[in-house]
């Protein structure tokens, strides 16, 4: 089977992506800052060919390290699913300091730049491959108190489309998965911040904006990402694929 890298693998969507790939019989390098979460995931997956690497995806040397680890273990990789992200404090624009903005860009956008930079040579060595980067509903919409997060996710779309065009003739596809509201730790943090002391009210505020009337299950969103990574047509490239219950329609 094939070998893949999944970042943010200790979190809600990333861990489900790793589970789906492992169930297919693929080899997976799971990357996250949460070493304990990675260890739990590795134990859960039992005999599957899964390796873990604790790393800060916003640091170039650590991205190089985990990509090198995958290359050493499997002789290369066939794709990467960049899930790792950071929601930040979600403050009004005038309250966001430059340091916080820089952190948002580093974790959500620069990490994707580094990931593609170091994975691409491995894909080219195998005659092509696939990259799935994680955007967001706010990658193409403006929302309250998310200017910094939105800037980072817009950057993910821009760089993904540029790389998709540049490497299409060399067998590499690059797409962006754009989740809406999911029932994950990140969303729960947002609900708490939107309605301090009353996260259920925060959840209801989010739900009111979703035409389907549902908060997405991260397993379903991860499954779309894995499809883009493994089975989607190679000519599907440079696209943003929303999975958001119709919010972006």
C-alpha atoms as a PDB file:
ATOM      1  CA  UNK A   1       0.000   0.000   0.000  1.00  0.00           C
ATOM      2  CA  UNK A   2       0.932   3.664   0.163  1.00  0.00           C
ATOM      3  CA  UNK A   3       2.607   5.829   2.813  1.00  0.00           C
ATOM      4  CA  UNK A   4       1.212   9.125   4.042  1.00  0.00           C
ATOM      5  CA  UNK A   5       1.924  11.889   6.539  1.00  0.00           C
ATOM      6  CA  UNK A   6      -0.901  13.321   8.656  1.00  0.00           C
ATOM      7  CA  UNK A   7      -0.265  16.374  10.824  1.00  0.00           C
ATOM      8  CA  UNK A   8      -2.526  17.336  13.700  1.00  0.00           C
ATOM      9  CA  UNK A   9      -2.975  13.598  14.143  1.00  0.00           C
ATOM     10  CA  UNK A  10      -3.722  13.719  17.871  1.00  0.00           C
ATOM     11  CA  UNK A  11      -6.717  15.985  17.277  1.00  0.00           C
ATOM     12  CA  UNK A  12     -10.270  15.291  16.201  1.00  0.00           C
ATOM     13  CA  UNK A  13     -10.077  15.316  12.407  1.00  0.00           C
ATOM     14  CA  UNK A  14      -6.417  14.303  12.162  1.00  0.00           C
ATOM     15  CA  UNK A  15      -6.823  11.231  14.349  1.00  0.00           C
ATOM     16  CA  UNK A  16      -9.804  10.076  12.302  1.00  0.00           C
ATOM     17  CA  UNK A  17      -7.810  10.535   9.101  1.00  0.00           C
ATOM     18  CA  UNK A  18      -5.053   8.348  10.549  1.00  0.00           C
ATOM     19  CA  UNK A  19      -7.596   5.701  11.553  1.00  0.00           C
ATOM     20  CA  UNK A  20      -9.129   5.620   8.075  1.00  0.00           C
ATOM     21  CA  UNK A  21      -5.741   5.319   6.382  1.00  0.00           C
ATOM     22  CA  UNK A  22      -4.605   2.595   8.772  1.00  0.00           C
ATOM     23  CA  UNK A  23      -7.837   0.660   8.179  1.00  0.00           C
ATOM     24  CA  UNK A  24      -7.088   0.780   4.440  1.00  0.00           C
ATOM     25  CA  UNK A  25      -3.744  -0.858   5.127  1.00  0.00           C
ATOM     26  CA  UNK A  26      -1.724   2.255   4.355  1.00  0.00           C
ATOM     27  CA  UNK A  27       1.381   3.314   6.270  1.00  0.00           C
ATOM     28  CA  UNK A  28       0.965   6.531   8.244  1.00  0.00           C
ATOM     29  CA  UNK A  29       3.300   8.931  10.004  1.00  0.00           C
ATOM     30  CA  UNK A  30       1.219  10.766  12.609  1.00  0.00           C
ATOM     31  CA  UNK A  31       2.553  14.186  13.609  1.00  0.00           C
ATOM     32  CA  UNK A  32       1.395  16.449  16.437  1.00  0.00           C
ATOM     33  CA  UNK A  33       2.748  18.528  19.327  1.00  0.00           C
ATOM     34  CA  UNK A  34       0.760  16.327  21.715  1.00  0.00           C
ATOM     35  CA  UNK A  35       3.150  13.425  22.281  1.00  0.00           C
ATOM     36  CA  UNK A  36       0.831  11.701  24.753  1.00  0.00           C
ATOM     37  CA  UNK A  37      -2.075  11.919  22.333  1.00  0.00           C
ATOM     38  CA  UNK A  38       0.089  10.406  19.620  1.00  0.00           C
ATOM     39  CA  UNK A  39       1.089   7.548  21.902  1.00  0.00           C
ATOM     40  CA  UNK A  40      -2.567   6.812  22.669  1.00  0.00           C
ATOM     41  CA  UNK A  41      -3.402   6.796  18.977  1.00  0.00           C
ATOM     42  CA  UNK A  42      -0.472   4.522  18.187  1.00  0.00           C
ATOM     43  CA  UNK A  43      -1.562   2.065  20.881  1.00  0.00           C
ATOM     44  CA  UNK A  44      -5.142   2.129  19.610  1.00  0.00           C
ATOM     45  CA  UNK A  45      -4.061   1.293  16.058  1.00  0.00           C
ATOM     46  CA  UNK A  46      -2.323  -1.883  17.172  1.00  0.00           C
ATOM     47  CA  UNK A  47      -0.590  -3.789  14.389  1.00  0.00           C
ATOM     48  CA  UNK A  48      -1.089  -1.113  11.727  1.00  0.00           C
ATOM     49  CA  UNK A  49       2.059   0.298  10.126  1.00  0.00           C
ATOM     50  CA  UNK A  50       1.837   3.596  11.971  1.00  0.00           C
ATOM     51  CA  UNK A  51       4.680   5.731  13.286  1.00  0.00           C
ATOM     52  CA  UNK A  52       4.397   8.846  15.427  1.00  0.00           C
ATOM     53  CA  UNK A  53       6.519  11.975  15.616  1.00  0.00           C
ATOM     54  CA  UNK A  54       6.024  14.784  18.118  1.00  0.00           C
ATOM     55  CA  UNK A  55       6.796  18.042  16.337  1.00  0.00           C
ATOM     56  CA  UNK A  56       5.895  21.719  16.156  1.00  0.00           C
ATOM     57  CA  UNK A  57       4.777  22.145  12.542  1.00  0.00           C
ATOM     58  CA  UNK A  58       5.475  25.879  12.644  1.00  0.00           C
ATOM     59  CA  UNK A  59       9.234  25.235  12.936  1.00  0.00           C
ATOM     60  CA  UNK A  60      11.066  24.425   9.722  1.00  0.00           C
ATOM     61  CA  UNK A  61      13.673  22.164  11.290  1.00  0.00           C
ATOM     62  CA  UNK A  62      10.972  20.063  12.921  1.00  0.00           C
ATOM     63  CA  UNK A  63       9.037  19.704   9.663  1.00  0.00           C
ATOM     64  CA  UNK A  64      12.242  18.601   7.952  1.00  0.00           C
ATOM     65  CA  UNK A  65      12.778  16.089  10.747  1.00  0.00           C
ATOM     66  CA  UNK A  66       9.394  14.417  10.469  1.00  0.00           C
ATOM     67  CA  UNK A  67       9.529  14.286   6.667  1.00  0.00           C
ATOM     68  CA  UNK A  68      13.006  12.750   6.857  1.00  0.00           C
ATOM     69  CA  UNK A  69      11.671  10.196   9.344  1.00  0.00           C
ATOM     70  CA  UNK A  70       8.939   9.140   6.911  1.00  0.00           C
ATOM     71  CA  UNK A  71      11.421   8.903   4.041  1.00  0.00           C
ATOM     72  CA  UNK A  72      13.786   6.796   6.112  1.00  0.00           C
ATOM     73  CA  UNK A  73      11.061   4.420   7.262  1.00  0.00           C
ATOM     74  CA  UNK A  74       9.245   3.899   3.954  1.00  0.00           C
ATOM     75  CA  UNK A  75      11.687   5.114   1.330  1.00  0.00           C
ATOM     76  CA  UNK A  76       9.415   8.041   0.537  1.00  0.00           C
ATOM     77  CA  UNK A  77       5.762   9.015   0.809  1.00  0.00           C
ATOM     78  CA  UNK A  78       2.790   9.178  -1.523  1.00  0.00           C
ATOM     79  CA  UNK A  79       1.026  12.123   0.031  1.00  0.00           C
ATOM     80  CA  UNK A  80       0.498  14.426   2.994  1.00  0.00           C
ATOM     81  CA  UNK A  81      -2.615  15.630   4.782  1.00  0.00           C
ATOM     82  CA  UNK A  82      -1.834  18.858   6.639  1.00  0.00           C
ATOM     83  CA  UNK A  83      -4.475  19.126   9.362  1.00  0.00           C
ATOM     84  CA  UNK A  84      -2.621  20.871  12.205  1.00  0.00           C
ATOM     85  CA  UNK A  85      -4.020  24.286  13.055  1.00  0.00           C
ATOM     86  CA  UNK A  86      -4.537  26.908  15.751  1.00  0.00           C
ATOM     87  CA  UNK A  87      -7.727  28.922  16.297  1.00  0.00           C
ATOM     88  CA  UNK A  88      -6.116  31.671  18.351  1.00  0.00           C
ATOM     89  CA  UNK A  89      -7.897  33.935  20.797  1.00  0.00           C
ATOM     90  CA  UNK A  90     -10.665  35.117  18.417  1.00  0.00           C
ATOM     91  CA  UNK A  91     -10.537  38.723  19.538  1.00  0.00           C
ATOM     92  CA  UNK A  92     -11.752  41.834  17.806  1.00  0.00           C
ATOM     93  CA  UNK A  93      -9.291  43.097  15.223  1.00  0.00           C
ATOM     94  CA  UNK A  94      -8.025  46.075  17.247  1.00  0.00           C
ATOM     95  CA  UNK A  95      -7.288  43.800  20.194  1.00  0.00           C
ATOM     96  CA  UNK A  96      -5.063  41.383  18.289  1.00  0.00           C
ATOM     97  CA  UNK A  97      -1.357  42.007  18.858  1.00  0.00           C
ATOM     98  CA  UNK A  98       1.253  41.432  16.164  1.00  0.00           C
ATOM     99  CA  UNK A  99       2.765  38.540  18.111  1.00  0.00           C
ATOM    100  CA  UNK A 100      -0.562  36.719  18.105  1.00  0.00           C
ATOM    101  CA  UNK A 101      -1.027  37.393  14.398  1.00  0.00           C
ATOM    102  CA  UNK A 102       2.446  36.017  13.685  1.00  0.00           C
ATOM    103  CA  UNK A 103       1.669  32.865  15.676  1.00  0.00           C
ATOM    104  CA  UNK A 104      -1.543  32.374  13.722  1.00  0.00           C
ATOM    105  CA  UNK A 105       0.306  32.644  10.422  1.00  0.00           C
ATOM    106  CA  UNK A 106       3.096  30.359  11.626  1.00  0.00           C
ATOM    107  CA  UNK A 107       0.887  27.476  12.742  1.00  0.00           C
ATOM    108  CA  UNK A 108      -1.837  27.694  10.103  1.00  0.00           C
ATOM    109  CA  UNK A 109       0.016  28.849   6.990  1.00  0.00           C
ATOM    110  CA  UNK A 110       3.786  28.669   7.322  1.00  0.00           C
ATOM    111  CA  UNK A 111       3.466  25.069   8.520  1.00  0.00           C
ATOM    112  CA  UNK A 112       1.738  24.206   5.242  1.00  0.00           C
ATOM    113  CA  UNK A 113       4.454  26.004   3.279  1.00  0.00           C
ATOM    114  CA  UNK A 114       7.139  23.997   5.087  1.00  0.00           C
ATOM    115  CA  UNK A 115       5.180  20.763   4.731  1.00  0.00           C
ATOM    116  CA  UNK A 116       4.802  21.137   0.979  1.00  0.00           C
ATOM    117  CA  UNK A 117       8.387  22.292   0.568  1.00  0.00           C
ATOM    118  CA  UNK A 118       9.809  19.142   2.133  1.00  0.00           C
ATOM    119  CA  UNK A 119       7.209  16.630   0.940  1.00  0.00           C
ATOM    120  CA  UNK A 120       7.219  17.666  -2.713  1.00  0.00           C
ATOM    121  CA  UNK A 121      10.670  16.233  -3.533  1.00  0.00           C
ATOM    122  CA  UNK A 122       9.562  12.875  -2.143  1.00  0.00           C
ATOM    123  CA  UNK A 123       6.409  12.938  -4.255  1.00  0.00           C
ATOM    124  CA  UNK A 124       8.328  13.889  -7.382  1.00  0.00           C
ATOM    125  CA  UNK A 125      10.767  11.050  -6.765  1.00  0.00           C
ATOM    126  CA  UNK A 126       7.809   8.641  -6.960  1.00  0.00           C
ATOM    127  CA  UNK A 127       6.431  10.227 -10.116  1.00  0.00           C
ATOM    128  CA  UNK A 128       3.757  12.261  -8.342  1.00  0.00           C
ATOM    129  CA  UNK A 129       1.452  12.208  -5.358  1.00  0.00           C
ATOM    130  CA  UNK A 130      -1.163  14.165  -3.495  1.00  0.00           C
ATOM    131  CA  UNK A 131      -1.259  16.925  -0.913  1.00  0.00           C
ATOM    132  CA  UNK A 132      -4.353  17.923   1.024  1.00  0.00           C
ATOM    133  CA  UNK A 133      -4.146  21.134   3.010  1.00  0.00           C
ATOM    134  CA  UNK A 134      -6.761  22.181   5.540  1.00  0.00           C
ATOM    135  CA  UNK A 135      -8.494  25.481   5.029  1.00  0.00           C
ATOM    136  CA  UNK A 136     -11.735  26.605   6.614  1.00  0.00           C
ATOM    137  CA  UNK A 137     -15.010  28.293   5.873  1.00  0.00           C
ATOM    138  CA  UNK A 138     -13.172  31.520   6.722  1.00  0.00           C
ATOM    139  CA  UNK A 139     -10.646  30.807   3.957  1.00  0.00           C
ATOM    140  CA  UNK A 140     -13.129  32.432   1.584  1.00  0.00           C
ATOM    141  CA  UNK A 141     -15.532  34.314   3.872  1.00  0.00           C
ATOM    142  CA  UNK A 142     -15.130  37.016   6.481  1.00  0.00           C
ATOM    143  CA  UNK A 143     -16.452  36.378   9.970  1.00  0.00           C
ATOM    144  CA  UNK A 144     -16.396  38.297  13.229  1.00  0.00           C
ATOM    145  CA  UNK A 145     -13.233  38.192  15.353  1.00  0.00           C
ATOM    146  CA  UNK A 146     -11.357  35.937  12.915  1.00  0.00           C
ATOM    147  CA  UNK A 147      -9.324  38.373  10.795  1.00  0.00           C
ATOM    148  CA  UNK A 148      -5.981  36.820  11.743  1.00  0.00           C
ATOM    149  CA  UNK A 149      -7.214  33.229  11.433  1.00  0.00           C
ATOM    150  CA  UNK A 150      -8.914  34.084   8.145  1.00  0.00           C
ATOM    151  CA  UNK A 151      -5.728  35.676   6.812  1.00  0.00           C
ATOM    152  CA  UNK A 152      -3.817  32.462   7.510  1.00  0.00           C
ATOM    153  CA  UNK A 153      -6.449  30.259   5.904  1.00  0.00           C
ATOM    154  CA  UNK A 154      -6.692  32.523   2.846  1.00  0.00           C
ATOM    155  CA  UNK A 155      -2.919  32.096   2.552  1.00  0.00           C
ATOM    156  CA  UNK A 156      -3.340  28.311   2.599  1.00  0.00           C
ATOM    157  CA  UNK A 157      -5.701  28.541  -0.368  1.00  0.00           C
ATOM    158  CA  UNK A 158      -3.418  30.867  -2.293  1.00  0.00           C
ATOM    159  CA  UNK A 159      -0.263  28.820  -1.869  1.00  0.00           C
ATOM    160  CA  UNK A 160      -2.108  25.549  -2.518  1.00  0.00           C
ATOM    161  CA  UNK A 161      -3.469  26.786  -5.820  1.00  0.00           C
ATOM    162  CA  UNK A 162      -0.086  28.118  -6.845  1.00  0.00           C
ATOM    163  CA  UNK A 163       1.663  24.822  -6.088  1.00  0.00           C
ATOM    164  CA  UNK A 164      -1.156  22.884  -7.780  1.00  0.00           C
ATOM    165  CA  UNK A 165      -0.616  24.780 -11.032  1.00  0.00           C
ATOM    166  CA  UNK A 166       3.163  24.617 -10.841  1.00  0.00           C
ATOM    167  CA  UNK A 167       3.349  20.860 -10.294  1.00  0.00           C
ATOM    168  CA  UNK A 168       0.253  19.579 -12.128  1.00  0.00           C
ATOM    169  CA  UNK A 169       2.257  18.401 -15.141  1.00  0.00           C
ATOM    170  CA  UNK A 170       4.570  16.470 -12.828  1.00  0.00           C
ATOM    171  CA  UNK A 171       1.841  14.320 -11.353  1.00  0.00           C
ATOM    172  CA  UNK A 172       1.184  16.178  -8.106  1.00  0.00           C
ATOM    173  CA  UNK A 173      -2.317  17.233  -7.069  1.00  0.00           C
ATOM    174  CA  UNK A 174      -2.899  19.786  -4.316  1.00  0.00           C
ATOM    175  CA  UNK A 175      -6.323  20.532  -2.890  1.00  0.00           C
ATOM    176  CA  UNK A 176      -7.758  22.313   0.131  1.00  0.00           C
ATOM    177  CA  UNK A 177     -10.313  20.714   2.441  1.00  0.00           C
ATOM    178  CA  UNK A 178     -12.465  23.457   3.954  1.00  0.00           C
ATOM    179  CA  UNK A 179     -14.408  22.290   7.029  1.00  0.00           C
ATOM    180  CA  UNK A 180     -17.151  24.299   8.616  1.00  0.00           C
ATOM    181  CA  UNK A 181     -18.125  23.838  12.243  1.00  0.00           C
ATOM    182  CA  UNK A 182     -17.071  20.437  13.587  1.00  0.00           C
ATOM    183  CA  UNK A 183     -17.558  18.906  16.999  1.00  0.00           C
ATOM    184  CA  UNK A 184     -13.904  19.085  18.006  1.00  0.00           C
ATOM    185  CA  UNK A 185     -11.833  20.580  20.792  1.00  0.00           C
ATOM    186  CA  UNK A 186     -11.178  23.636  18.614  1.00  0.00           C
ATOM    187  CA  UNK A 187     -14.890  24.259  18.056  1.00  0.00           C
ATOM    188  CA  UNK A 188     -15.663  23.801  21.738  1.00  0.00           C
ATOM    189  CA  UNK A 189     -13.054  26.449  22.538  1.00  0.00           C
ATOM    190  CA  UNK A 190     -14.698  28.802  20.052  1.00  0.00           C
ATOM    191  CA  UNK A 191     -18.137  28.195  21.574  1.00  0.00           C
ATOM    192  CA  UNK A 192     -16.798  29.020  25.019  1.00  0.00           C
ATOM    193  CA  UNK A 193     -15.243  32.224  23.729  1.00  0.00           C
ATOM    194  CA  UNK A 194     -18.385  33.241  21.860  1.00  0.00           C
ATOM    195  CA  UNK A 195     -20.511  32.798  24.995  1.00  0.00           C
ATOM    196  CA  UNK A 196     -18.292  32.765  28.088  1.00  0.00           C
ATOM    197  CA  UNK A 197     -19.687  30.477  30.747  1.00  0.00           C
ATOM    198  CA  UNK A 198     -22.378  29.127  28.412  1.00  0.00           C
ATOM    199  CA  UNK A 199     -20.797  26.930  25.713  1.00  0.00           C
ATOM    200  CA  UNK A 200     -24.192  25.493  24.745  1.00  0.00           C
ATOM    201  CA  UNK A 201     -25.309  28.991  23.793  1.00  0.00           C
ATOM    202  CA  UNK A 202     -22.074  29.382  21.825  1.00  0.00           C
ATOM    203  CA  UNK A 203     -22.812  26.119  20.027  1.00  0.00           C
ATOM    204  CA  UNK A 204     -26.347  27.261  19.245  1.00  0.00           C
ATOM    205  CA  UNK A 205     -24.988  30.512  17.793  1.00  0.00           C
ATOM    206  CA  UNK A 206     -22.792  28.502  15.421  1.00  0.00           C
ATOM    207  CA  UNK A 207     -25.534  26.035  14.572  1.00  0.00           C
ATOM    208  CA  UNK A 208     -27.909  28.831  13.603  1.00  0.00           C
ATOM    209  CA  UNK A 209     -25.619  29.654  10.662  1.00  0.00           C
ATOM    210  CA  UNK A 210     -25.489  26.077   9.284  1.00  0.00           C
ATOM    211  CA  UNK A 211     -28.204  25.312   6.697  1.00  0.00           C
ATOM    212  CA  UNK A 212     -28.085  21.570   7.400  1.00  0.00           C
ATOM    213  CA  UNK A 213     -28.829  22.203  11.072  1.00  0.00           C
ATOM    214  CA  UNK A 214     -25.938  19.948  12.063  1.00  0.00           C
ATOM    215  CA  UNK A 215     -22.456  20.385  13.463  1.00  0.00           C
ATOM    216  CA  UNK A 216     -20.231  18.236  11.257  1.00  0.00           C
ATOM    217  CA  UNK A 217     -18.826  14.971  12.558  1.00  0.00           C
ATOM    218  CA  UNK A 218     -15.009  15.166  12.211  1.00  0.00           C
ATOM    219  CA  UNK A 219     -15.014  11.553  10.991  1.00  0.00           C
ATOM    220  CA  UNK A 220     -17.062  12.554   7.961  1.00  0.00           C
ATOM    221  CA  UNK A 221     -14.838  15.528   7.181  1.00  0.00           C
ATOM    222  CA  UNK A 222     -11.699  13.413   7.599  1.00  0.00           C
ATOM    223  CA  UNK A 223     -13.128  10.852   5.186  1.00  0.00           C
ATOM    224  CA  UNK A 224     -13.400  13.512   2.470  1.00  0.00           C
ATOM    225  CA  UNK A 225      -9.793  14.533   3.114  1.00  0.00           C
ATOM    226  CA  UNK A 226      -8.634  10.940   2.862  1.00  0.00           C
ATOM    227  CA  UNK A 227     -10.558  10.539  -0.399  1.00  0.00           C
ATOM    228  CA  UNK A 228      -8.776  13.598  -1.805  1.00  0.00           C
ATOM    229  CA  UNK A 229      -5.492  12.109  -0.604  1.00  0.00           C
ATOM    230  CA  UNK A 230      -5.991   8.597  -1.969  1.00  0.00           C
ATOM    231  CA  UNK A 231      -8.754   8.121  -4.518  1.00  0.00           C
ATOM    232  CA  UNK A 232      -9.791  11.421  -6.087  1.00  0.00           C
ATOM    233  CA  UNK A 233      -9.024  11.859  -9.796  1.00  0.00           C
ATOM    234  CA  UNK A 234      -5.537  13.245 -10.366  1.00  0.00           C
ATOM    235  CA  UNK A 235      -7.034  16.055 -12.446  1.00  0.00           C
ATOM    236  CA  UNK A 236      -8.918  17.277  -9.382  1.00  0.00           C
ATOM    237  CA  UNK A 237      -6.314  19.796  -8.284  1.00  0.00           C
ATOM    238  CA  UNK A 238      -6.126  23.385  -7.127  1.00  0.00           C
ATOM    239  CA  UNK A 239      -9.632  23.181  -5.669  1.00  0.00           C
ATOM    240  CA  UNK A 240     -11.220  24.160  -2.383  1.00  0.00           C
ATOM    241  CA  UNK A 241     -13.620  21.437  -1.216  1.00  0.00           C
ATOM    242  CA  UNK A 242     -16.064  22.671   1.455  1.00  0.00           C
ATOM    243  CA  UNK A 243     -17.585  20.209   3.930  1.00  0.00           C
ATOM    244  CA  UNK A 244     -19.714  22.562   5.962  1.00  0.00           C
ATOM    245  CA  UNK A 245     -23.392  21.621   5.799  1.00  0.00           C
ATOM    246  CA  UNK A 246     -24.087  24.213   3.122  1.00  0.00           C
ATOM    247  CA  UNK A 247     -22.701  27.169   5.079  1.00  0.00           C
ATOM    248  CA  UNK A 248     -20.601  28.367   2.143  1.00  0.00           C
ATOM    249  CA  UNK A 249     -23.345  27.915  -0.467  1.00  0.00           C
END
